[in-house]
Amino acid sequence: MVVLEMVTGQSPMTTGSQVSENTGEMEPRGLVKWVREKINGDGGKELWLEKIIDPAMKGKCNLSKMEILVQVALQCVEEDKDARPTMRQVAERLIAHENDDY
């Protein structure tokens, strides 16, 4: 969750809002849901990455590495604990791409 907060520059509960069908009031959607919605939306990876990256980081990061970081972060917050990677798997995935030049 902390990685998603750092990448997006957003609080975990204030990113985006939607109108509740029950009350008609605005309610927070949550950072994880917001990021997943952007990934599943129209467009390629650069488009969803551009939509979620903190504006202060735009143009200062490698988008391919950022994509991997976001994917790993999302795996780590899966509701089903058995679907989450171990810390060893997280480290191995990040280290495998550490020196990639894209």
Protein backbone atom coordinates (compact mmCIF):
# COMPACT_ATOMS: atom_id res chain seq x y z
CA MET A 1 0.00 0.00 0.00
CA VAL A 2 2.83 2.36 0.83
CA VAL A 3 4.36 1.84 -2.62
CA LEU A 4 1.05 2.74 -4.27
CA GLU A 5 0.84 5.86 -2.10
CA MET A 6 4.38 6.86 -3.12
CA VAL A 7 3.83 6.22 -6.84
CA THR A 8 0.52 8.05 -6.99
CA GLY A 9 1.07 10.72 -4.36
CA GLN A 10 -2.44 9.87 -3.10
CA SER A 11 -3.88 8.87 0.24
CA PRO A 12 -5.22 5.31 0.37
CA MET A 13 -8.81 6.41 0.95
CA THR A 14 -9.14 9.74 -0.85
CA THR A 15 -8.21 8.85 -4.42
CA GLY A 16 -11.19 9.46 -6.61
CA SER A 17 -14.71 9.46 -5.39
CA GLN A 18 -17.92 8.02 -6.63
CA VAL A 19 -21.53 8.74 -5.89
CA SER A 20 -23.09 6.10 -3.69
CA GLU A 21 -26.13 4.51 -5.29
CA ASN A 22 -27.72 4.16 -1.85
CA THR A 23 -27.18 7.63 -0.38
CA GLY A 24 -26.35 9.79 -3.40
CA GLU A 25 -23.34 11.15 -1.49
CA MET A 26 -19.72 11.15 -2.58
CA GLU A 27 -17.64 8.40 -1.00
CA PRO A 28 -13.99 7.41 -1.34
CA ARG A 29 -13.24 4.51 -3.69
CA GLY A 30 -9.90 3.58 -2.26
CA LEU A 31 -6.48 3.72 -3.83
CA VAL A 32 -6.23 0.06 -4.84
CA LYS A 33 -9.59 0.08 -6.58
CA TRP A 34 -8.76 3.37 -8.32
CA VAL A 35 -5.43 2.04 -9.66
CA ARG A 36 -7.05 -1.19 -10.85
CA GLU A 37 -9.76 0.80 -12.64
CA LYS A 38 -7.10 2.84 -14.45
CA ILE A 39 -5.24 -0.33 -15.51
CA ASN A 40 -8.42 -1.96 -16.80
CA GLY A 41 -9.56 1.18 -18.63
CA ASP A 42 -8.98 2.04 -22.27
CA GLY A 43 -5.49 2.67 -23.58
CA GLY A 44 -2.02 1.21 -23.30
CA LYS A 45 0.26 1.00 -20.31
CA GLU A 46 1.67 4.49 -20.79
CA LEU A 47 -1.84 5.92 -20.59
CA TRP A 48 -2.79 4.26 -17.31
CA LEU A 49 0.65 4.89 -15.84
CA GLU A 50 0.43 8.56 -16.78
CA LYS A 51 -2.96 8.73 -15.07
CA ILE A 52 -1.77 7.27 -11.77
CA ILE A 53 1.77 8.59 -11.40
CA ASP A 54 2.27 11.53 -9.06
CA PRO A 55 2.67 14.61 -11.29
CA ALA A 56 5.93 15.40 -9.47
CA MET A 57 7.40 12.13 -10.83
CA LYS A 58 6.29 12.47 -14.45
CA GLY A 59 9.23 12.49 -16.82
CA LYS A 60 11.59 11.49 -14.00
CA CYS A 61 11.00 7.74 -13.93
CA ASN A 62 11.30 4.71 -16.15
CA LEU A 63 7.73 3.75 -17.08
CA SER A 64 8.57 0.08 -17.65
CA LYS A 65 10.08 -0.24 -14.19
CA MET A 66 7.21 1.74 -12.70
CA GLU A 67 4.74 -0.67 -14.30
CA ILE A 68 6.48 -3.64 -12.65
CA LEU A 69 6.54 -1.84 -9.31
CA VAL A 70 2.81 -1.11 -9.47
CA GLN A 71 1.99 -4.69 -10.52
CA VAL A 72 3.99 -6.10 -7.61
CA ALA A 73 2.39 -3.63 -5.20
CA LEU A 74 -1.09 -4.66 -6.37
CA GLN A 75 -0.23 -8.34 -5.90
CA CYS A 76 0.85 -7.56 -2.34
CA VAL A 77 -2.54 -6.10 -1.44
CA GLU A 78 -4.66 -8.95 -2.82
CA GLU A 79 -7.53 -9.77 -0.45
CA ASP A 80 -6.79 -13.50 -0.65
CA LYS A 81 -3.61 -13.98 1.37
CA ASP A 82 -2.70 -17.05 -0.70
CA ALA A 83 -2.64 -14.88 -3.84
CA ARG A 84 -0.06 -12.53 -2.34
CA PRO A 85 3.63 -13.10 -3.16
CA THR A 86 6.16 -13.84 -0.45
CA MET A 87 8.73 -11.16 0.34
CA ARG A 88 11.30 -13.37 -1.39
CA GLN A 89 9.18 -13.39 -4.56
CA VAL A 90 8.75 -9.61 -4.36
CA ALA A 91 12.50 -9.07 -3.97
CA GLU A 92 13.34 -11.48 -6.78
CA ARG A 93 10.91 -9.82 -9.17
CA LEU A 94 12.19 -6.32 -8.42
CA ILE A 95 15.86 -7.31 -8.52
CA ALA A 96 15.36 -9.11 -11.84
CA HIS A 97 14.44 -5.76 -13.42
CA GLU A 98 16.82 -3.54 -11.43
CA ASN A 99 19.40 -3.14 -14.18
CA ASP A 100 17.08 -3.35 -17.20
CA ASP A 101 17.42 -0.42 -19.57
CA TYR A 102 14.30 0.21 -21.59
